[in-house]
Amino acid sequence: MFTGLITDIGVIRDVKGSRTKTLRIETSYDTKDIELGESIAVDGVCLTVTEIQDRSFSVDAGWETLEKTAIGRRGPGSKVHLERALALGDRLGGHWVSGHVDGVGRVTRRQDLDKSVLLEFSAPSHVAELLVEKGSIAIDGVSLTVNTVDGDKFTVAIIPYTQGKTHLLDLKVSDEVNLESDILGKYVRKLLGRSARIDEEFLKANGFSVE
């Protein structure tokens, strides 16, 4: 599991393969502390370390991962958000993120505010139906709070702190991003069936805090 709090911004240095791709990622992590078989979230995608170099590590992305995420469209020189898996005793500062991406979204609008930047995204319908205002979503692995939801579109505000810890400000209109909806919404949907609408009022009425 992960928290959606990015601990490094890596750079893809090499990509090999087609149906299965091997990505070599340069990192500021101490690679002596990384173990083969360890899980690392790369732009929100949980991938397994298959090789370790001096200042980089390699991961494999299989065909299903390439089909369901945007990781396969990241080429050499692309920046990627990195987060190592939670260890026993670590603090949970963001929200529960599994690293199993639900779908690929696109940037549809960008608006500069006072100190923050508002980003609007379109989401696949099966992801959009789980979004709730003031709820959580992971965008390219970054834990963010949903500001507004309008059909298949939603907005988030990128505050100065997040700007300094991620590369989200590099995003342009039409860019693809990996989306993972809050696991809470998935469980609630499964328990209630698809007929119930999950929104802020529903969560409040059922004892959940959305502050």
C-alpha atoms as a PDB file:
ATOM      1  CA  MET A   1       0.000   0.000   0.000  1.00  0.00           C
ATOM      2  CA  PHE A   2       0.949   3.636  -0.517  1.00  0.00           C
ATOM      3  CA  THR A   3      -0.174   7.035   0.785  1.00  0.00           C
ATOM      4  CA  GLY A   4      -0.092   9.253  -2.291  1.00  0.00           C
ATOM      5  CA  LEU A   5       2.671  11.395  -0.767  1.00  0.00           C
ATOM      6  CA  ILE A   6       5.452  11.562  -3.335  1.00  0.00           C
ATOM      7  CA  THR A   7       8.961  10.965  -2.002  1.00  0.00           C
ATOM      8  CA  ASP A   8      10.958  11.449  -5.206  1.00  0.00           C
ATOM      9  CA  ILE A   9      10.604  12.608  -8.788  1.00  0.00           C
ATOM     10  CA  GLY A  10      12.393  10.135 -11.011  1.00  0.00           C
ATOM     11  CA  VAL A  11      13.317  10.339 -14.676  1.00  0.00           C
ATOM     12  CA  ILE A  12      12.845   7.503 -17.151  1.00  0.00           C
ATOM     13  CA  ARG A  13      16.226   6.948 -18.793  1.00  0.00           C
ATOM     14  CA  ASP A  14      15.508   3.903 -20.943  1.00  0.00           C
ATOM     15  CA  VAL A  15      12.524   1.888 -22.179  1.00  0.00           C
ATOM     16  CA  LYS A  16      12.834  -1.563 -23.722  1.00  0.00           C
ATOM     17  CA  GLY A  17      10.263  -3.990 -25.063  1.00  0.00           C
ATOM     18  CA  SER A  18       6.780  -3.669 -26.557  1.00  0.00           C
ATOM     19  CA  ARG A  19       4.191  -6.089 -25.146  1.00  0.00           C
ATOM     20  CA  THR A  20       6.058  -5.963 -21.840  1.00  0.00           C
ATOM     21  CA  LYS A  21       8.158  -2.875 -21.233  1.00  0.00           C
ATOM     22  CA  THR A  22      11.171  -2.523 -18.980  1.00  0.00           C
ATOM     23  CA  LEU A  23      11.665   1.005 -17.651  1.00  0.00           C
ATOM     24  CA  ARG A  24      14.969   2.127 -16.161  1.00  0.00           C
ATOM     25  CA  ILE A  25      14.322   5.027 -13.790  1.00  0.00           C
ATOM     26  CA  GLU A  26      16.906   7.403 -12.385  1.00  0.00           C
ATOM     27  CA  THR A  27      16.233   8.280  -8.752  1.00  0.00           C
ATOM     28  CA  SER A  28      17.641  10.176  -5.807  1.00  0.00           C
ATOM     29  CA  TYR A  29      16.770   7.202  -3.557  1.00  0.00           C
ATOM     30  CA  ASP A  30      19.725   5.393  -2.041  1.00  0.00           C
ATOM     31  CA  THR A  31      19.586   2.373  -4.330  1.00  0.00           C
ATOM     32  CA  LYS A  32      21.608   0.342  -1.810  1.00  0.00           C
ATOM     33  CA  ASP A  33      18.441   0.443   0.307  1.00  0.00           C
ATOM     34  CA  ILE A  34      16.199  -0.854  -2.508  1.00  0.00           C
ATOM     35  CA  GLU A  35      15.627  -4.600  -2.723  1.00  0.00           C
ATOM     36  CA  LEU A  36      14.837  -6.771  -5.722  1.00  0.00           C
ATOM     37  CA  GLY A  37      11.136  -7.590  -5.700  1.00  0.00           C
ATOM     38  CA  GLU A  38      10.257  -4.429  -3.797  1.00  0.00           C
ATOM     39  CA  SER A  39       7.105  -2.558  -4.838  1.00  0.00           C
ATOM     40  CA  ILE A  40       7.466   1.068  -5.924  1.00  0.00           C
ATOM     41  CA  ALA A  41       4.624   3.240  -7.222  1.00  0.00           C
ATOM     42  CA  VAL A  42       5.640   4.868 -10.502  1.00  0.00           C
ATOM     43  CA  ASP A  43       3.152   7.606 -11.457  1.00  0.00           C
ATOM     44  CA  GLY A  44       0.677   5.766  -9.256  1.00  0.00           C
ATOM     45  CA  VAL A  45       1.282   2.317 -10.791  1.00  0.00           C
ATOM     46  CA  CYS A  46       2.538  -0.359  -8.397  1.00  0.00           C
ATOM     47  CA  LEU A  47       5.513  -1.997 -10.120  1.00  0.00           C
ATOM     48  CA  THR A  48       8.109  -4.527  -8.995  1.00  0.00           C
ATOM     49  CA  VAL A  49      11.819  -3.751  -8.967  1.00  0.00           C
ATOM     50  CA  THR A  50      13.593  -6.209 -11.258  1.00  0.00           C
ATOM     51  CA  GLU A  51      17.081  -4.701 -11.424  1.00  0.00           C
ATOM     52  CA  ILE A  52      19.080  -2.220  -9.374  1.00  0.00           C
ATOM     53  CA  GLN A  53      21.829   0.013 -10.694  1.00  0.00           C
ATOM     54  CA  ASP A  54      24.024   2.632  -9.014  1.00  0.00           C
ATOM     55  CA  ARG A  55      21.602   5.569  -9.321  1.00  0.00           C
ATOM     56  CA  SER A  56      18.629   3.902 -10.952  1.00  0.00           C
ATOM     57  CA  PHE A  57      16.365   0.866 -10.825  1.00  0.00           C
ATOM     58  CA  SER A  58      14.338  -1.055 -13.397  1.00  0.00           C
ATOM     59  CA  VAL A  59      10.715  -2.204 -13.348  1.00  0.00           C
ATOM     60  CA  ASP A  60       8.614  -4.249 -15.765  1.00  0.00           C
ATOM     61  CA  ALA A  61       5.146  -3.213 -16.965  1.00  0.00           C
ATOM     62  CA  GLY A  62       3.125  -6.088 -18.434  1.00  0.00           C
ATOM     63  CA  TRP A  63       0.607  -5.848 -21.241  1.00  0.00           C
ATOM     64  CA  GLU A  64      -2.391  -5.441 -18.911  1.00  0.00           C
ATOM     65  CA  THR A  65      -0.687  -2.557 -17.089  1.00  0.00           C
ATOM     66  CA  LEU A  66       0.187  -0.960 -20.420  1.00  0.00           C
ATOM     67  CA  GLU A  67      -3.445  -1.312 -21.549  1.00  0.00           C
ATOM     68  CA  LYS A  68      -5.050   0.093 -18.404  1.00  0.00           C
ATOM     69  CA  THR A  69      -2.614   2.891 -17.501  1.00  0.00           C
ATOM     70  CA  ALA A  70      -0.688   5.690 -19.154  1.00  0.00           C
ATOM     71  CA  ILE A  71       2.710   4.360 -18.062  1.00  0.00           C
ATOM     72  CA  GLY A  72       3.369   2.858 -21.487  1.00  0.00           C
ATOM     73  CA  ARG A  73       3.217   6.309 -23.078  1.00  0.00           C
ATOM     74  CA  ARG A  74       6.008   7.609 -20.835  1.00  0.00           C
ATOM     75  CA  GLY A  75       9.264   7.699 -22.764  1.00  0.00           C
ATOM     76  CA  PRO A  76      12.920   8.443 -22.011  1.00  0.00           C
ATOM     77  CA  GLY A  77      13.250  11.836 -20.337  1.00  0.00           C
ATOM     78  CA  SER A  78       9.770  11.714 -18.783  1.00  0.00           C
ATOM     79  CA  LYS A  79       9.480  12.674 -15.129  1.00  0.00           C
ATOM     80  CA  VAL A  80       7.594  10.228 -12.926  1.00  0.00           C
ATOM     81  CA  HIS A  81       6.334  10.401  -9.353  1.00  0.00           C
ATOM     82  CA  LEU A  82       7.872   7.785  -7.073  1.00  0.00           C
ATOM     83  CA  GLU A  83       6.709   6.404  -3.744  1.00  0.00           C
ATOM     84  CA  ARG A  84       8.013   3.356  -1.925  1.00  0.00           C
ATOM     85  CA  ALA A  85       5.520   1.022  -0.264  1.00  0.00           C
ATOM     86  CA  LEU A  86       4.467   1.668   3.318  1.00  0.00           C
ATOM     87  CA  ALA A  87       6.521  -0.057   5.986  1.00  0.00           C
ATOM     88  CA  LEU A  88       5.149  -1.184   9.332  1.00  0.00           C
ATOM     89  CA  GLY A  89       4.918   1.831  11.626  1.00  0.00           C
ATOM     90  CA  ASP A  90       4.945   4.465   8.851  1.00  0.00           C
ATOM     91  CA  ARG A  91       2.534   7.366   9.224  1.00  0.00           C
ATOM     92  CA  LEU A  92      -0.369   7.593   6.797  1.00  0.00           C
ATOM     93  CA  GLY A  93      -0.287  11.210   5.699  1.00  0.00           C
ATOM     94  CA  GLY A  94      -2.355  11.090   2.497  1.00  0.00           C
ATOM     95  CA  HIS A  95      -4.965   8.388   1.911  1.00  0.00           C
ATOM     96  CA  TRP A  96      -4.876   4.669   1.185  1.00  0.00           C
ATOM     97  CA  VAL A  97      -3.545   4.157  -2.354  1.00  0.00           C
ATOM     98  CA  SER A  98      -3.210   0.623  -3.692  1.00  0.00           C
ATOM     99  CA  GLY A  99      -1.207   1.352  -6.817  1.00  0.00           C
ATOM    100  CA  HIS A 100      -3.851  -0.378  -8.943  1.00  0.00           C
ATOM    101  CA  VAL A 101      -4.939   2.318 -11.399  1.00  0.00           C
ATOM    102  CA  ASP A 102      -8.663   2.461 -12.189  1.00  0.00           C
ATOM    103  CA  GLY A 103      -8.409   4.337 -15.477  1.00  0.00           C
ATOM    104  CA  VAL A 104      -6.740   7.014 -17.550  1.00  0.00           C
ATOM    105  CA  GLY A 105      -7.969  10.609 -17.414  1.00  0.00           C
ATOM    106  CA  ARG A 106      -7.106  13.701 -19.428  1.00  0.00           C
ATOM    107  CA  VAL A 107      -6.423  17.301 -18.500  1.00  0.00           C
ATOM    108  CA  THR A 108      -9.264  19.428 -19.888  1.00  0.00           C
ATOM    109  CA  ARG A 109      -8.566  22.822 -18.293  1.00  0.00           C
ATOM    110  CA  ARG A 110      -5.915  24.670 -16.347  1.00  0.00           C
ATOM    111  CA  GLN A 111      -6.523  27.886 -14.419  1.00  0.00           C
ATOM    112  CA  ASP A 112      -3.998  29.902 -12.415  1.00  0.00           C
ATOM    113  CA  LEU A 113      -5.455  31.134  -9.144  1.00  0.00           C
ATOM    114  CA  ASP A 114      -3.765  33.253  -6.457  1.00  0.00           C
ATOM    115  CA  LYS A 115      -1.028  30.865  -5.372  1.00  0.00           C
ATOM    116  CA  SER A 116      -2.660  27.631  -6.459  1.00  0.00           C
ATOM    117  CA  VAL A 117      -3.373  26.139  -9.874  1.00  0.00           C
ATOM    118  CA  LEU A 118      -6.775  24.611 -10.644  1.00  0.00           C
ATOM    119  CA  LEU A 119      -6.664  21.556 -12.885  1.00  0.00           C
ATOM    120  CA  GLU A 120      -9.750  19.998 -14.456  1.00  0.00           C
ATOM    121  CA  PHE A 121      -9.736  16.408 -15.667  1.00  0.00           C
ATOM    122  CA  SER A 122     -12.094  14.132 -17.549  1.00  0.00           C
ATOM    123  CA  ALA A 123     -12.445  10.637 -16.106  1.00  0.00           C
ATOM    124  CA  PRO A 124     -13.837   7.348 -17.436  1.00  0.00           C
ATOM    125  CA  SER A 125     -17.440   6.836 -16.287  1.00  0.00           C
ATOM    126  CA  HIS A 126     -16.563   3.976 -13.910  1.00  0.00           C
ATOM    127  CA  VAL A 127     -14.095   6.293 -12.150  1.00  0.00           C
ATOM    128  CA  ALA A 128     -16.262   9.421 -12.254  1.00  0.00           C
ATOM    129  CA  GLU A 129     -19.175   7.688 -10.518  1.00  0.00           C
ATOM    130  CA  LEU A 130     -16.975   7.090  -7.462  1.00  0.00           C
ATOM    131  CA  LEU A 131     -15.824  10.698  -7.105  1.00  0.00           C
ATOM    132  CA  VAL A 132     -17.254  12.927  -4.403  1.00  0.00           C
ATOM    133  CA  GLU A 133     -16.530  16.559  -3.561  1.00  0.00           C
ATOM    134  CA  LYS A 134     -14.038  16.762  -0.670  1.00  0.00           C
ATOM    135  CA  GLY A 135     -13.148  13.127  -1.267  1.00  0.00           C
ATOM    136  CA  SER A 136      -9.738  11.823  -2.273  1.00  0.00           C
ATOM    137  CA  ILE A 137      -8.252  10.754  -5.577  1.00  0.00           C
ATOM    138  CA  ALA A 138      -4.763   9.749  -6.668  1.00  0.00           C
ATOM    139  CA  ILE A 139      -3.595  11.467  -9.862  1.00  0.00           C
ATOM    140  CA  ASP A 140      -0.344  10.016 -11.203  1.00  0.00           C
ATOM    141  CA  GLY A 141       0.134   8.703  -7.677  1.00  0.00           C
ATOM    142  CA  VAL A 142      -0.430  12.042  -5.917  1.00  0.00           C
ATOM    143  CA  SER A 143      -3.060  12.142  -3.149  1.00  0.00           C
ATOM    144  CA  LEU A 144      -5.362  15.089  -3.862  1.00  0.00           C
ATOM    145  CA  THR A 145      -8.717  16.411  -2.657  1.00  0.00           C
ATOM    146  CA  VAL A 146     -11.526  16.648  -5.198  1.00  0.00           C
ATOM    147  CA  ASN A 147     -12.856  20.212  -5.362  1.00  0.00           C
ATOM    148  CA  THR A 148     -15.827  19.828  -7.691  1.00  0.00           C
ATOM    149  CA  VAL A 149     -17.496  17.054  -9.683  1.00  0.00           C
ATOM    150  CA  ASP A 150     -19.579  17.696 -12.793  1.00  0.00           C
ATOM    151  CA  GLY A 151     -20.506  14.569 -14.715  1.00  0.00           C
ATOM    152  CA  ASP A 152     -17.312  12.961 -15.928  1.00  0.00           C
ATOM    153  CA  LYS A 153     -15.222  16.035 -15.081  1.00  0.00           C
ATOM    154  CA  PHE A 154     -13.673  17.016 -11.762  1.00  0.00           C
ATOM    155  CA  THR A 155     -11.251  19.630 -10.464  1.00  0.00           C
ATOM    156  CA  VAL A 156      -8.395  19.688  -7.973  1.00  0.00           C
ATOM    157  CA  ALA A 157      -6.302  22.580  -6.657  1.00  0.00           C
ATOM    158  CA  ILE A 158      -2.521  22.224  -6.691  1.00  0.00           C
ATOM    159  CA  ILE A 159      -1.306  24.183  -3.676  1.00  0.00           C
ATOM    160  CA  PRO A 160       2.264  25.568  -3.430  1.00  0.00           C
ATOM    161  CA  TYR A 161       3.493  22.685  -1.244  1.00  0.00           C
ATOM    162  CA  THR A 162       2.261  20.104  -3.753  1.00  0.00           C
ATOM    163  CA  GLN A 163       3.725  22.137  -6.599  1.00  0.00           C
ATOM    164  CA  GLY A 164       7.142  21.823  -4.979  1.00  0.00           C
ATOM    165  CA  LYS A 165       6.887  18.072  -4.331  1.00  0.00           C
ATOM    166  CA  THR A 166       5.430  16.911  -7.673  1.00  0.00           C
ATOM    167  CA  HIS A 167       5.639  17.699 -11.369  1.00  0.00           C
ATOM    168  CA  LEU A 168       1.882  18.234 -11.774  1.00  0.00           C
ATOM    169  CA  LEU A 169       2.455  21.785 -13.010  1.00  0.00           C
ATOM    170  CA  ASP A 170       4.106  20.285 -16.093  1.00  0.00           C
ATOM    171  CA  LEU A 171       0.711  18.959 -17.182  1.00  0.00           C
ATOM    172  CA  LYS A 172      -0.895  20.510 -20.260  1.00  0.00           C
ATOM    173  CA  VAL A 173      -4.414  20.285 -21.669  1.00  0.00           C
ATOM    174  CA  SER A 174      -4.995  16.830 -23.262  1.00  0.00           C
ATOM    175  CA  ASP A 175      -2.174  15.164 -21.282  1.00  0.00           C
ATOM    176  CA  GLU A 176      -3.033  11.715 -19.915  1.00  0.00           C
ATOM    177  CA  VAL A 177      -2.866  10.846 -16.215  1.00  0.00           C
ATOM    178  CA  ASN A 178      -3.356   7.715 -14.134  1.00  0.00           C
ATOM    179  CA  LEU A 179      -6.413   7.844 -11.870  1.00  0.00           C
ATOM    180  CA  GLU A 180      -7.122   5.764  -8.785  1.00  0.00           C
ATOM    181  CA  SER A 181     -10.339   6.506  -6.925  1.00  0.00           C
ATOM    182  CA  ASP A 182     -10.585   6.294  -3.139  1.00  0.00           C
ATOM    183  CA  ILE A 183     -10.850   2.688  -1.974  1.00  0.00           C
ATOM    184  CA  LEU A 184     -13.613   3.768   0.452  1.00  0.00           C
ATOM    185  CA  GLY A 185     -15.851   4.647  -2.492  1.00  0.00           C
ATOM    186  CA  LYS A 186     -15.233   1.257  -4.074  1.00  0.00           C
ATOM    187  CA  TYR A 187     -16.272  -0.623  -0.960  1.00  0.00           C
ATOM    188  CA  VAL A 188     -19.341   1.558  -0.434  1.00  0.00           C
ATOM    189  CA  ARG A 189     -20.360   1.012  -4.053  1.00  0.00           C
ATOM    190  CA  LYS A 190     -19.944  -2.747  -3.710  1.00  0.00           C
ATOM    191  CA  LEU A 191     -22.012  -2.853  -0.512  1.00  0.00           C
ATOM    192  CA  LEU A 192     -24.833  -0.708  -1.864  1.00  0.00           C
ATOM    193  CA  GLY A 193     -24.896  -1.792  -5.457  1.00  0.00           C
ATOM    194  CA  ARG A 194     -24.630   0.514  -8.437  1.00  0.00           C
ATOM    195  CA  SER A 195     -28.038   2.157  -7.965  1.00  0.00           C
ATOM    196  CA  ALA A 196     -27.049   4.347  -5.012  1.00  0.00           C
ATOM    197  CA  ARG A 197     -25.383   7.677  -5.662  1.00  0.00           C
ATOM    198  CA  ILE A 198     -22.318   8.382  -3.527  1.00  0.00           C
ATOM    199  CA  ASP A 199     -21.997  12.086  -2.791  1.00  0.00           C
ATOM    200  CA  GLU A 200     -21.061  14.367   0.085  1.00  0.00           C
ATOM    201  CA  GLU A 201     -24.574  14.296   1.590  1.00  0.00           C
ATOM    202  CA  PHE A 202     -24.679  10.501   1.456  1.00  0.00           C
ATOM    203  CA  LEU A 203     -21.345  10.191   3.248  1.00  0.00           C
ATOM    204  CA  LYS A 204     -22.360  12.667   5.960  1.00  0.00           C
ATOM    205  CA  ALA A 205     -25.659  10.866   6.506  1.00  0.00           C
ATOM    206  CA  ASN A 206     -23.830   7.590   6.983  1.00  0.00           C
ATOM    207  CA  GLY A 207     -21.317   8.823   9.517  1.00  0.00           C
ATOM    208  CA  PHE A 208     -18.328   9.625   7.318  1.00  0.00           C
ATOM    209  CA  SER A 209     -16.323  12.816   7.827  1.00  0.00           C
ATOM    210  CA  VAL A 210     -15.696  14.836   4.663  1.00  0.00           C
ATOM    211  CA  GLU A 211     -14.091  17.852   6.298  1.00  0.00           C
END
